Amino acid sequence: MARFVLIIIFSAMATGMFVIKNEVISLENNLQEINAQIKEDQESLHVLKAEWSYLNDPSRIRALSKRHANMKPLSSEQIISFSSIPLKSDPQGKNQIIRVSFATAKRK
């Protein structure tokens, strides 16, 4: 009877070790996949940072604005204070509000 109990205990331990070994192998494979994905994401992030630096280069933006927007530097006459903006009454005539106008972009 004692031998039978020892055989059962040994079988249970062997089965348990087999299951644990397979679980550890599965977790290690999962860890390797996660590490590979992290490395790939870091490389992508490095490329994106390099692209961002290139796209935000002031000399490049200045050249693009000259070529596409026909923008010119502001003159001192174009800058005024808020107190210089004319006020306009609301429709009921109760409150004074600042008049703001927006220019629409010309379509080509």
PDB file of N, CA and C in Angstrom:
ATOM      1  N   MET A   1       0.819  -1.191   0.000  1.00  0.00           N
ATOM      2  CA  MET A   1       0.000   0.000   0.000  1.00  0.00           C
ATOM      3  C   MET A   1       0.870   1.264   0.000  1.00  0.00           C
ATOM      4  N   ALA A   2       1.955   1.245   0.746  1.00  0.00           N
ATOM      5  CA  ALA A   2       2.833   2.400   0.836  1.00  0.00           C
ATOM      6  C   ALA A   2       3.474   2.674  -0.512  1.00  0.00           C
ATOM      7  N   ARG A   3       3.832   1.588  -1.247  1.00  0.00           N
ATOM      8  CA  ARG A   3       4.418   1.764  -2.566  1.00  0.00           C
ATOM      9  C   ARG A   3       3.415   2.404  -3.532  1.00  0.00           C
ATOM     10  N   PHE A   4       2.170   1.996  -3.423  1.00  0.00           N
ATOM     11  CA  PHE A   4       1.121   2.529  -4.286  1.00  0.00           C
ATOM     12  C   PHE A   4       0.949   4.030  -4.029  1.00  0.00           C
ATOM     13  N   VAL A   5       0.968   4.437  -2.777  1.00  0.00           N
ATOM     14  CA  VAL A   5       0.839   5.849  -2.417  1.00  0.00           C
ATOM     15  C   VAL A   5       2.050   6.627  -2.939  1.00  0.00           C
ATOM     16  N   LEU A   6       3.247   6.071  -2.800  1.00  0.00           N
ATOM     17  CA  LEU A   6       4.443   6.737  -3.297  1.00  0.00           C
ATOM     18  C   LEU A   6       4.413   6.876  -4.816  1.00  0.00           C
ATOM     19  N   ILE A   7       3.912   5.843  -5.513  1.00  0.00           N
ATOM     20  CA  ILE A   7       3.804   5.907  -6.967  1.00  0.00           C
ATOM     21  C   ILE A   7       2.813   7.002  -7.375  1.00  0.00           C
ATOM     22  N   ILE A   8       1.722   7.110  -6.686  1.00  0.00           N
ATOM     23  CA  ILE A   8       0.712   8.140  -6.983  1.00  0.00           C
ATOM     24  C   ILE A   8       1.301   9.526  -6.711  1.00  0.00           C
ATOM     25  N   ILE A   9       1.999   9.681  -5.588  1.00  0.00           N
ATOM     26  CA  ILE A   9       2.606  10.971  -5.261  1.00  0.00           C
ATOM     27  C   ILE A   9       3.652  11.334  -6.317  1.00  0.00           C
ATOM     28  N   PHE A  10       4.503  10.347  -6.689  1.00  0.00           N
ATOM     29  CA  PHE A  10       5.516  10.594  -7.705  1.00  0.00           C
ATOM     30  C   PHE A  10       4.877  10.974  -9.041  1.00  0.00           C
ATOM     31  N   SER A  11       3.802  10.283  -9.420  1.00  0.00           N
ATOM     32  CA  SER A  11       3.102  10.589 -10.675  1.00  0.00           C
ATOM     33  C   SER A  11       2.515  11.992 -10.639  1.00  0.00           C
ATOM     34  N   ALA A  12       1.924  12.366  -9.507  1.00  0.00           N
ATOM     35  CA  ALA A  12       1.340  13.699  -9.365  1.00  0.00           C
ATOM     36  C   ALA A  12       2.423  14.765  -9.449  1.00  0.00           C
ATOM     37  N   MET A  13       3.568  14.508  -8.823  1.00  0.00           N
ATOM     38  CA  MET A  13       4.670  15.467  -8.875  1.00  0.00           C
ATOM     39  C   MET A  13       5.217  15.588 -10.299  1.00  0.00           C
ATOM     40  N   ALA A  14       5.366  14.476 -10.993  1.00  0.00           N
ATOM     41  CA  ALA A  14       5.868  14.501 -12.367  1.00  0.00           C
ATOM     42  C   ALA A  14       4.900  15.255 -13.279  1.00  0.00           C
ATOM     43  N   THR A  15       3.611  14.997 -13.103  1.00  0.00           N
ATOM     44  CA  THR A  15       2.597  15.693 -13.902  1.00  0.00           C
ATOM     45  C   THR A  15       2.606  17.185 -13.581  1.00  0.00           C
ATOM     46  N   GLY A  16       2.695  17.524 -12.312  1.00  0.00           N
ATOM     47  CA  GLY A  16       2.750  18.927 -11.898  1.00  0.00           C
ATOM     48  C   GLY A  16       3.969  19.635 -12.458  1.00  0.00           C
ATOM     49  N   MET A  17       5.126  18.971 -12.410  1.00  0.00           N
ATOM     50  CA  MET A  17       6.349  19.564 -12.959  1.00  0.00           C
ATOM     51  C   MET A  17       6.223  19.767 -14.462  1.00  0.00           C
ATOM     52  N   PHE A  18       5.609  18.819 -15.157  1.00  0.00           N
ATOM     53  CA  PHE A  18       5.399  18.940 -16.598  1.00  0.00           C
ATOM     54  C   PHE A  18       4.514  20.144 -16.925  1.00  0.00           C
ATOM     55  N   VAL A  19       3.437  20.280 -16.170  1.00  0.00           N
ATOM     56  CA  VAL A  19       2.509  21.399 -16.392  1.00  0.00           C
ATOM     57  C   VAL A  19       3.201  22.725 -16.094  1.00  0.00           C
ATOM     58  N   ILE A  20       3.959  22.784 -14.998  1.00  0.00           N
ATOM     59  CA  ILE A  20       4.658  24.028 -14.642  1.00  0.00           C
ATOM     60  C   ILE A  20       5.707  24.368 -15.686  1.00  0.00           C
ATOM     61  N   LYS A  21       6.450  23.338 -16.164  1.00  0.00           N
ATOM     62  CA  LYS A  21       7.470  23.572 -17.187  1.00  0.00           C
ATOM     63  C   LYS A  21       6.842  24.155 -18.450  1.00  0.00           C
ATOM     64  N   ASN A  22       5.730  23.597 -18.890  1.00  0.00           N
ATOM     65  CA  ASN A  22       5.054  24.115 -20.091  1.00  0.00           C
ATOM     66  C   ASN A  22       4.522  25.528 -19.880  1.00  0.00           C
ATOM     67  N   GLU A  23       4.052  25.806 -18.694  1.00  0.00           N
ATOM     68  CA  GLU A  23       3.562  27.154 -18.394  1.00  0.00           C
ATOM     69  C   GLU A  23       4.716  28.160 -18.409  1.00  0.00           C
ATOM     70  N   VAL A  24       5.861  27.784 -17.860  1.00  0.00           N
ATOM     71  CA  VAL A  24       7.033  28.660 -17.852  1.00  0.00           C
ATOM     72  C   VAL A  24       7.508  28.908 -19.284  1.00  0.00           C
ATOM     73  N   ILE A  25       7.550  27.872 -20.104  1.00  0.00           N
ATOM     74  CA  ILE A  25       7.947  28.033 -21.502  1.00  0.00           C
ATOM     75  C   ILE A  25       6.996  28.969 -22.222  1.00  0.00           C
ATOM     76  N   SER A  26       5.709  28.821 -21.985  1.00  0.00           N
ATOM     77  CA  SER A  26       4.707  29.692 -22.606  1.00  0.00           C
ATOM     78  C   SER A  26       4.898  31.138 -22.160  1.00  0.00           C
ATOM     79  N   LEU A  27       5.144  31.353 -20.876  1.00  0.00           N
ATOM     80  CA  LEU A  27       5.356  32.711 -20.360  1.00  0.00           C
ATOM     81  C   LEU A  27       6.646  33.315 -20.907  1.00  0.00           C
ATOM     82  N   GLU A  28       7.706  32.525 -21.055  1.00  0.00           N
ATOM     83  CA  GLU A  28       8.955  33.031 -21.624  1.00  0.00           C
ATOM     84  C   GLU A  28       8.763  33.435 -23.080  1.00  0.00           C
ATOM     85  N   ASN A  29       8.014  32.637 -23.837  1.00  0.00           N
ATOM     86  CA  ASN A  29       7.722  32.999 -25.230  1.00  0.00           C
ATOM     87  C   ASN A  29       6.927  34.296 -25.299  1.00  0.00           C
ATOM     88  N   ASN A  30       5.962  34.421 -24.406  1.00  0.00           N
ATOM     89  CA  ASN A  30       5.155  35.647 -24.350  1.00  0.00           C
ATOM     90  C   ASN A  30       6.040  36.849 -24.009  1.00  0.00           C
ATOM     91  N   LEU A  31       6.973  36.669 -23.074  1.00  0.00           N
ATOM     92  CA  LEU A  31       7.892  37.743 -22.692  1.00  0.00           C
ATOM     93  C   LEU A  31       8.784  38.134 -23.862  1.00  0.00           C
ATOM     94  N   GLN A  32       9.270  37.177 -24.630  1.00  0.00           N
ATOM     95  CA  GLN A  32      10.095  37.477 -25.791  1.00  0.00           C
ATOM     96  C   GLN A  32       9.313  38.266 -26.841  1.00  0.00           C
ATOM     97  N   GLU A  33       8.046  37.900 -27.046  1.00  0.00           N
ATOM     98  CA  GLU A  33       7.211  38.643 -27.995  1.00  0.00           C
ATOM     99  C   GLU A  33       6.996  40.077 -27.534  1.00  0.00           C
ATOM    100  N   ILE A  34       6.758  40.247 -26.233  1.00  0.00           N
ATOM    101  CA  ILE A  34       6.545  41.592 -25.684  1.00  0.00           C
ATOM    102  C   ILE A  34       7.819  42.422 -25.814  1.00  0.00           C
ATOM    103  N   ASN A  35       8.973  41.825 -25.510  1.00  0.00           N
ATOM    104  CA  ASN A  35      10.243  42.554 -25.637  1.00  0.00           C
ATOM    105  C   ASN A  35      10.527  42.931 -27.087  1.00  0.00           C
ATOM    106  N   ALA A  36      10.198  42.040 -28.013  1.00  0.00           N
ATOM    107  CA  ALA A  36      10.392  42.348 -29.434  1.00  0.00           C
ATOM    108  C   ALA A  36       9.485  43.508 -29.847  1.00  0.00           C
ATOM    109  N   GLN A  37       8.244  43.511 -29.369  1.00  0.00           N
ATOM    110  CA  GLN A  37       7.315  44.593 -29.688  1.00  0.00           C
ATOM    111  C   GLN A  37       7.795  45.911 -29.085  1.00  0.00           C
ATOM    112  N   ILE A  38       8.338  45.870 -27.867  1.00  0.00           N
ATOM    113  CA  ILE A  38       8.861  47.081 -27.229  1.00  0.00           C
ATOM    114  C   ILE A  38      10.019  47.638 -28.054  1.00  0.00           C
ATOM    115  N   LYS A  39      10.931  46.760 -28.491  1.00  0.00           N
ATOM    116  CA  LYS A  39      12.071  47.213 -29.280  1.00  0.00           C
ATOM    117  C   LYS A  39      11.601  47.819 -30.605  1.00  0.00           C
ATOM    118  N   GLU A  40      10.620  47.186 -31.242  1.00  0.00           N
ATOM    119  CA  GLU A  40      10.072  47.712 -32.499  1.00  0.00           C
ATOM    120  C   GLU A  40       9.422  49.077 -32.283  1.00  0.00           C
ATOM    121  N   ASP A  41       8.675  49.213 -31.189  1.00  0.00           N
ATOM    122  CA  ASP A  41       8.033  50.498 -30.879  1.00  0.00           C
ATOM    123  C   ASP A  41       9.068  51.583 -30.590  1.00  0.00           C
ATOM    124  N   GLN A  42      10.161  51.230 -29.899  1.00  0.00           N
ATOM    125  CA  GLN A  42      11.209  52.213 -29.622  1.00  0.00           C
ATOM    126  C   GLN A  42      11.878  52.671 -30.908  1.00  0.00           C
ATOM    127  N   GLU A  43      12.097  51.748 -31.842  1.00  0.00           N
ATOM    128  CA  GLU A  43      12.690  52.121 -33.121  1.00  0.00           C
ATOM    129  C   GLU A  43      11.737  53.035 -33.907  1.00  0.00           C
ATOM    130  N   SER A  44      10.452  52.698 -33.881  1.00  0.00           N
ATOM    131  CA  SER A  44       9.464  53.548 -34.562  1.00  0.00           C
ATOM    132  C   SER A  44       9.422  54.935 -33.929  1.00  0.00           C
ATOM    133  N   LEU A  45       9.489  54.982 -32.616  1.00  0.00           N
ATOM    134  CA  LEU A  45       9.473  56.257 -31.909  1.00  0.00           C
ATOM    135  C   LEU A  45      10.703  57.084 -32.268  1.00  0.00           C
ATOM    136  N   HIS A  46      11.842  56.427 -32.396  1.00  0.00           N
ATOM    137  CA  HIS A  46      13.070  57.123 -32.783  1.00  0.00           C
ATOM    138  C   HIS A  46      12.913  57.736 -34.179  1.00  0.00           C
ATOM    139  N   VAL A  47      12.339  56.987 -35.100  1.00  0.00           N
ATOM    140  CA  VAL A  47      12.124  57.492 -36.461  1.00  0.00           C
ATOM    141  C   VAL A  47      11.142  58.662 -36.435  1.00  0.00           C
ATOM    142  N   LEU A  48      10.064  58.536 -35.663  1.00  0.00           N
ATOM    143  CA  LEU A  48       9.071  59.610 -35.582  1.00  0.00           C
ATOM    144  C   LEU A  48       9.669  60.881 -34.978  1.00  0.00           C
ATOM    145  N   LYS A  49      10.528  60.735 -33.979  1.00  0.00           N
ATOM    146  CA  LYS A  49      11.172  61.918 -33.396  1.00  0.00           C
ATOM    147  C   LYS A  49      12.074  62.599 -34.413  1.00  0.00           C
ATOM    148  N   ALA A  50      12.781  61.798 -35.222  1.00  0.00           N
ATOM    149  CA  ALA A  50      13.641  62.377 -36.256  1.00  0.00           C
ATOM    150  C   ALA A  50      12.798  63.115 -37.294  1.00  0.00           C
ATOM    151  N   GLU A  51      11.671  62.524 -37.698  1.00  0.00           N
ATOM    152  CA  GLU A  51      10.780  63.183 -38.654  1.00  0.00           C
ATOM    153  C   GLU A  51      10.213  64.472 -38.064  1.00  0.00           C
ATOM    154  N   TRP A  52       9.838  64.422 -36.788  1.00  0.00           N
ATOM    155  CA  TRP A  52       9.279  65.606 -36.124  1.00  0.00           C
ATOM    156  C   TRP A  52      10.312  66.733 -36.092  1.00  0.00           C
ATOM    157  N   SER A  53      11.564  66.387 -35.800  1.00  0.00           N
ATOM    158  CA  SER A  53      12.615  67.406 -35.785  1.00  0.00           C
ATOM    159  C   SER A  53      12.789  68.018 -37.165  1.00  0.00           C
ATOM    160  N   TYR A  54      12.746  67.201 -38.186  1.00  0.00           N
ATOM    161  CA  TYR A  54      12.888  67.718 -39.549  1.00  0.00           C
ATOM    162  C   TYR A  54      11.713  68.619 -39.910  1.00  0.00           C
ATOM    163  N   LEU A  55      10.492  68.156 -39.606  1.00  0.00           N
ATOM    164  CA  LEU A  55       9.305  68.931 -39.980  1.00  0.00           C
ATOM    165  C   LEU A  55       9.201  70.249 -39.218  1.00  0.00           C
ATOM    166  N   ASN A  56       9.748  70.319 -38.019  1.00  0.00           N
ATOM    167  CA  ASN A  56       9.666  71.537 -37.215  1.00  0.00           C
ATOM    168  C   ASN A  56      10.896  72.412 -37.318  1.00  0.00           C
ATOM    169  N   ASP A  57      11.743  72.155 -38.271  1.00  0.00           N
ATOM    170  CA  ASP A  57      12.932  72.982 -38.469  1.00  0.00           C
ATOM    171  C   ASP A  57      12.489  74.391 -38.893  1.00  0.00           C
ATOM    172  N   PRO A  58      12.888  75.415 -38.148  1.00  0.00           N
ATOM    173  CA  PRO A  58      12.434  76.783 -38.459  1.00  0.00           C
ATOM    174  C   PRO A  58      12.776  77.243 -39.879  1.00  0.00           C
ATOM    175  N   SER A  59      13.944  76.867 -40.369  1.00  0.00           N
ATOM    176  CA  SER A  59      14.292  77.310 -41.722  1.00  0.00           C
ATOM    177  C   SER A  59      13.390  76.643 -42.765  1.00  0.00           C
ATOM    178  N   ARG A  60      13.013  75.387 -42.527  1.00  0.00           N
ATOM    179  CA  ARG A  60      12.096  74.695 -43.441  1.00  0.00           C
ATOM    180  C   ARG A  60      10.712  75.327 -43.401  1.00  0.00           C
ATOM    181  N   ILE A  61      10.240  75.650 -42.207  1.00  0.00           N
ATOM    182  CA  ILE A  61       8.919  76.274 -42.071  1.00  0.00           C
ATOM    183  C   ILE A  61       8.922  77.663 -42.707  1.00  0.00           C
ATOM    184  N   ARG A  62      10.014  78.405 -42.540  1.00  0.00           N
ATOM    185  CA  ARG A  62      10.118  79.725 -43.147  1.00  0.00           C
ATOM    186  C   ARG A  62      10.061  79.626 -44.671  1.00  0.00           C
ATOM    187  N   ALA A  63      10.786  78.652 -45.238  1.00  0.00           N
ATOM    188  CA  ALA A  63      10.777  78.471 -46.697  1.00  0.00           C
ATOM    189  C   ALA A  63       9.393  78.066 -47.193  1.00  0.00           C
ATOM    190  N   LEU A  64       8.717  77.191 -46.449  1.00  0.00           N
ATOM    191  CA  LEU A  64       7.363  76.789 -46.843  1.00  0.00           C
ATOM    192  C   LEU A  64       6.388  77.953 -46.775  1.00  0.00           C
ATOM    193  N   SER A  65       6.521  78.778 -45.744  1.00  0.00           N
ATOM    194  CA  SER A  65       5.595  79.915 -45.631  1.00  0.00           C
ATOM    195  C   SER A  65       5.830  80.918 -46.755  1.00  0.00           C
ATOM    196  N   LYS A  66       7.088  81.117 -47.161  1.00  0.00           N
ATOM    197  CA  LYS A  66       7.365  82.024 -48.278  1.00  0.00           C
ATOM    198  C   LYS A  66       6.809  81.456 -49.581  1.00  0.00           C
ATOM    199  N   ARG A  67       6.942  80.155 -49.752  1.00  0.00           N
ATOM    200  CA  ARG A  67       6.529  79.539 -51.010  1.00  0.00           C
ATOM    201  C   ARG A  67       5.006  79.411 -51.124  1.00  0.00           C
ATOM    202  N   HIS A  68       4.328  79.066 -50.042  1.00  0.00           N
ATOM    203  CA  HIS A  68       2.898  78.740 -50.137  1.00  0.00           C
ATOM    204  C   HIS A  68       1.960  79.790 -49.559  1.00  0.00           C
ATOM    205  N   ALA A  69       2.381  80.513 -48.548  1.00  0.00           N
ATOM    206  CA  ALA A  69       1.449  81.406 -47.865  1.00  0.00           C
ATOM    207  C   ALA A  69       1.645  82.869 -48.229  1.00  0.00           C
ATOM    208  N   ASN A  70       2.716  83.181 -48.909  1.00  0.00           N
ATOM    209  CA  ASN A  70       3.007  84.573 -49.250  1.00  0.00           C
ATOM    210  C   ASN A  70       2.906  85.471 -48.018  1.00  0.00           C
ATOM    211  N   MET A  71       3.428  84.991 -46.907  1.00  0.00           N
ATOM    212  CA  MET A  71       3.369  85.748 -45.659  1.00  0.00           C
ATOM    213  C   MET A  71       4.539  86.722 -45.585  1.00  0.00           C
ATOM    214  N   LYS A  72       4.287  87.858 -44.951  1.00  0.00           N
ATOM    215  CA  LYS A  72       5.311  88.865 -44.752  1.00  0.00           C
ATOM    216  C   LYS A  72       5.374  89.177 -43.265  1.00  0.00           C
ATOM    217  N   PRO A  73       6.492  89.696 -42.787  1.00  0.00           N
ATOM    218  CA  PRO A  73       6.578  90.048 -41.370  1.00  0.00           C
ATOM    219  C   PRO A  73       5.576  91.155 -41.028  1.00  0.00           C
ATOM    220  N   LEU A  74       5.122  91.169 -39.785  1.00  0.00           N
ATOM    221  CA  LEU A  74       4.199  92.208 -39.323  1.00  0.00           C
ATOM    222  C   LEU A  74       4.917  93.542 -39.223  1.00  0.00           C
ATOM    223  N   SER A  75       4.220  94.584 -39.583  1.00  0.00           N
ATOM    224  CA  SER A  75       4.758  95.925 -39.371  1.00  0.00           C
ATOM    225  C   SER A  75       4.207  96.456 -38.054  1.00  0.00           C
ATOM    226  N   SER A  76       4.835  97.452 -37.518  1.00  0.00           N
ATOM    227  CA  SER A  76       4.400  97.984 -36.229  1.00  0.00           C
ATOM    228  C   SER A  76       3.015  98.625 -36.311  1.00  0.00           C
ATOM    229  N   GLU A  77       2.598  99.076 -37.503  1.00  0.00           N
ATOM    230  CA  GLU A  77       1.283  99.684 -37.652  1.00  0.00           C
ATOM    231  C   GLU A  77       0.154  98.651 -37.561  1.00  0.00           C
ATOM    232  N   GLN A  78       0.479  97.399 -37.748  1.00  0.00           N
ATOM    233  CA  GLN A  78      -0.553  96.359 -37.713  1.00  0.00           C
ATOM    234  C   GLN A  78      -0.895  95.919 -36.296  1.00  0.00           C
ATOM    235  N   ILE A  79      -0.122  96.290 -35.323  1.00  0.00           N
ATOM    236  CA  ILE A  79      -0.329  95.875 -33.944  1.00  0.00           C
ATOM    237  C   ILE A  79      -0.982  97.018 -33.183  1.00  0.00           C
ATOM    238  N   ILE A  80      -2.150  96.734 -32.596  1.00  0.00           N
ATOM    239  CA  ILE A  80      -2.866  97.745 -31.826  1.00  0.00           C
ATOM    240  C   ILE A  80      -3.246  97.152 -30.480  1.00  0.00           C
ATOM    241  N   SER A  81      -3.674  97.995 -29.569  1.00  0.00           N
ATOM    242  CA  SER A  81      -4.095  97.522 -28.253  1.00  0.00           C
ATOM    243  C   SER A  81      -5.592  97.196 -28.279  1.00  0.00           C
ATOM    244  N   PHE A  82      -6.033  96.480 -27.286  1.00  0.00           N
ATOM    245  CA  PHE A  82      -7.454  96.136 -27.212  1.00  0.00           C
ATOM    246  C   PHE A  82      -8.334  97.365 -27.034  1.00  0.00           C
ATOM    247  N   SER A  83      -7.810  98.381 -26.401  1.00  0.00           N
ATOM    248  CA  SER A  83      -8.621  99.587 -26.197  1.00  0.00           C
ATOM    249  C   SER A  83      -8.891 100.310 -27.514  1.00  0.00           C
ATOM    250  N   SER A  84      -8.113 100.029 -28.549  1.00  0.00           N
ATOM    251  CA  SER A  84      -8.317 100.677 -29.853  1.00  0.00           C
ATOM    252  C   SER A  84      -9.403  99.992 -30.675  1.00  0.00           C
ATOM    253  N   ILE A  85      -9.846  98.821 -30.253  1.00  0.00           N
ATOM    254  CA  ILE A  85     -10.861  98.090 -31.017  1.00  0.00           C
ATOM    255  C   ILE A  85     -12.220  98.721 -30.741  1.00  0.00           C
ATOM    256  N   PRO A  86     -12.982  99.062 -31.787  1.00  0.00           N
ATOM    257  CA  PRO A  86     -14.282  99.707 -31.562  1.00  0.00           C
ATOM    258  C   PRO A  86     -15.281  98.731 -30.932  1.00  0.00           C
ATOM    259  N   LEU A  87     -16.099  99.271 -30.029  1.00  0.00           N
ATOM    260  CA  LEU A  87     -17.127  98.456 -29.376  1.00  0.00           C
ATOM    261  C   LEU A  87     -18.422  98.523 -30.162  1.00  0.00           C
ATOM    262  N   LYS A  88     -19.217  97.492 -30.057  1.00  0.00           N
ATOM    263  CA  LYS A  88     -20.489  97.421 -30.757  1.00  0.00           C
ATOM    264  C   LYS A  88     -21.544  96.961 -29.752  1.00  0.00           C
ATOM    265  N   SER A  89     -22.727  97.536 -29.819  1.00  0.00           N
ATOM    266  CA  SER A  89     -23.801  97.147 -28.904  1.00  0.00           C
ATOM    267  C   SER A  89     -24.411  95.828 -29.357  1.00  0.00           C
ATOM    268  N   ASP A  90     -24.874  95.071 -28.369  1.00  0.00           N
ATOM    269  CA  ASP A  90     -25.590  93.843 -28.734  1.00  0.00           C
ATOM    270  C   ASP A  90     -26.963  94.221 -29.289  1.00  0.00           C
ATOM    271  N   PRO A  91     -27.726  93.296 -29.899  1.00  0.00           N
ATOM    272  CA  PRO A  91     -29.001  93.641 -30.537  1.00  0.00           C
ATOM    273  C   PRO A  91     -30.003  94.336 -29.611  1.00  0.00           C
ATOM    274  N   GLN A  92     -29.985  94.048 -28.326  1.00  0.00           N
ATOM    275  CA  GLN A  92     -30.916  94.701 -27.415  1.00  0.00           C
ATOM    276  C   GLN A  92     -30.396  96.056 -26.945  1.00  0.00           C
ATOM    277  N   GLY A  93     -29.126  96.364 -27.247  1.00  0.00           N
ATOM    278  CA  GLY A  93     -28.572  97.660 -26.860  1.00  0.00           C
ATOM    279  C   GLY A  93     -28.172  97.741 -25.415  1.00  0.00           C
ATOM    280  N   LYS A  94     -28.060  96.613 -24.721  1.00  0.00           N
ATOM    281  CA  LYS A  94     -27.749  96.637 -23.291  1.00  0.00           C
ATOM    282  C   LYS A  94     -26.247  96.646 -23.019  1.00  0.00           C
ATOM    283  N   ASN A  95     -25.516  95.789 -23.694  1.00  0.00           N
ATOM    284  CA  ASN A  95     -24.094  95.619 -23.381  1.00  0.00           C
ATOM    285  C   ASN A  95     -23.222  96.044 -24.553  1.00  0.00           C
ATOM    286  N   GLN A  96     -22.034  96.470 -24.217  1.00  0.00           N
ATOM    287  CA  GLN A  96     -21.042  96.774 -25.237  1.00  0.00           C
ATOM    288  C   GLN A  96     -20.199  95.512 -25.465  1.00  0.00           C
ATOM    289  N   ILE A  97     -20.014  95.147 -26.712  1.00  0.00           N
ATOM    290  CA  ILE A  97     -19.191  93.987 -27.019  1.00  0.00           C
ATOM    291  C   ILE A  97     -18.109  94.385 -28.005  1.00  0.00           C
ATOM    292  N   ILE A  98     -17.032  93.630 -28.014  1.00  0.00           N
ATOM    293  CA  ILE A  98     -15.944  93.914 -28.940  1.00  0.00           C
ATOM    294  C   ILE A  98     -16.319  93.375 -30.303  1.00  0.00           C
ATOM    295  N   ARG A  99     -16.107  94.181 -31.307  1.00  0.00           N
ATOM    296  CA  ARG A  99     -16.422  93.772 -32.676  1.00  0.00           C
ATOM    297  C   ARG A  99     -15.203  93.062 -33.261  1.00  0.00           C
ATOM    298  N   VAL A 100     -15.415  91.860 -33.709  1.00  0.00           N
ATOM    299  CA  VAL A 100     -14.345  91.074 -34.306  1.00  0.00           C
ATOM    300  C   VAL A 100     -14.817  90.612 -35.665  1.00  0.00           C
ATOM    301  N   SER A 101     -13.985  90.767 -36.652  1.00  0.00           N
ATOM    302  CA  SER A 101     -14.360  90.278 -37.985  1.00  0.00           C
ATOM    303  C   SER A 101     -13.328  89.247 -38.425  1.00  0.00           C
ATOM    304  N   PHE A 102     -13.793  88.289 -39.178  1.00  0.00           N
ATOM    305  CA  PHE A 102     -12.946  87.234 -39.659  1.00  0.00           C
ATOM    306  C   PHE A 102     -12.923  87.267 -41.170  1.00  0.00           C
ATOM    307  N   ALA A 103     -11.757  87.143 -41.736  1.00  0.00           N
ATOM    308  CA  ALA A 103     -11.629  87.091 -43.183  1.00  0.00           C
ATOM    309  C   ALA A 103     -11.633  85.625 -43.612  1.00  0.00           C
ATOM    310  N   THR A 104     -12.370  85.326 -44.661  1.00  0.00           N
ATOM    311  CA  THR A 104     -12.394  83.958 -45.149  1.00  0.00           C
ATOM    312  C   THR A 104     -11.233  83.742 -46.093  1.00  0.00           C
ATOM    313  N   ALA A 105     -10.765  82.516 -46.136  1.00  0.00           N
ATOM    314  CA  ALA A 105      -9.636  82.192 -47.012  1.00  0.00           C
ATOM    315  C   ALA A 105     -10.118  82.165 -48.471  1.00  0.00           C
ATOM    316  N   LYS A 106      -9.282  82.692 -49.338  1.00  0.00           N
ATOM    317  CA  LYS A 106      -9.621  82.682 -50.768  1.00  0.00           C
ATOM    318  C   LYS A 106      -9.338  81.307 -51.337  1.00  0.00           C
ATOM    319  N   ARG A 107     -10.286  80.791 -52.059  1.00  0.00           N
ATOM    320  CA  ARG A 107     -10.107  79.479 -52.695  1.00  0.00           C
ATOM    321  C   ARG A 107      -9.539  79.658 -54.084  1.00  0.00           C
ATOM    322  N   LYS A 108      -8.614  78.773 -54.399  1.00  0.00           N
ATOM    323  CA  LYS A 108      -7.998  78.848 -55.722  1.00  0.00           C
ATOM    324  C   LYS A 108      -8.638  77.882 -56.678  1.00  0.00           C
TER     325      LYS A 108
END
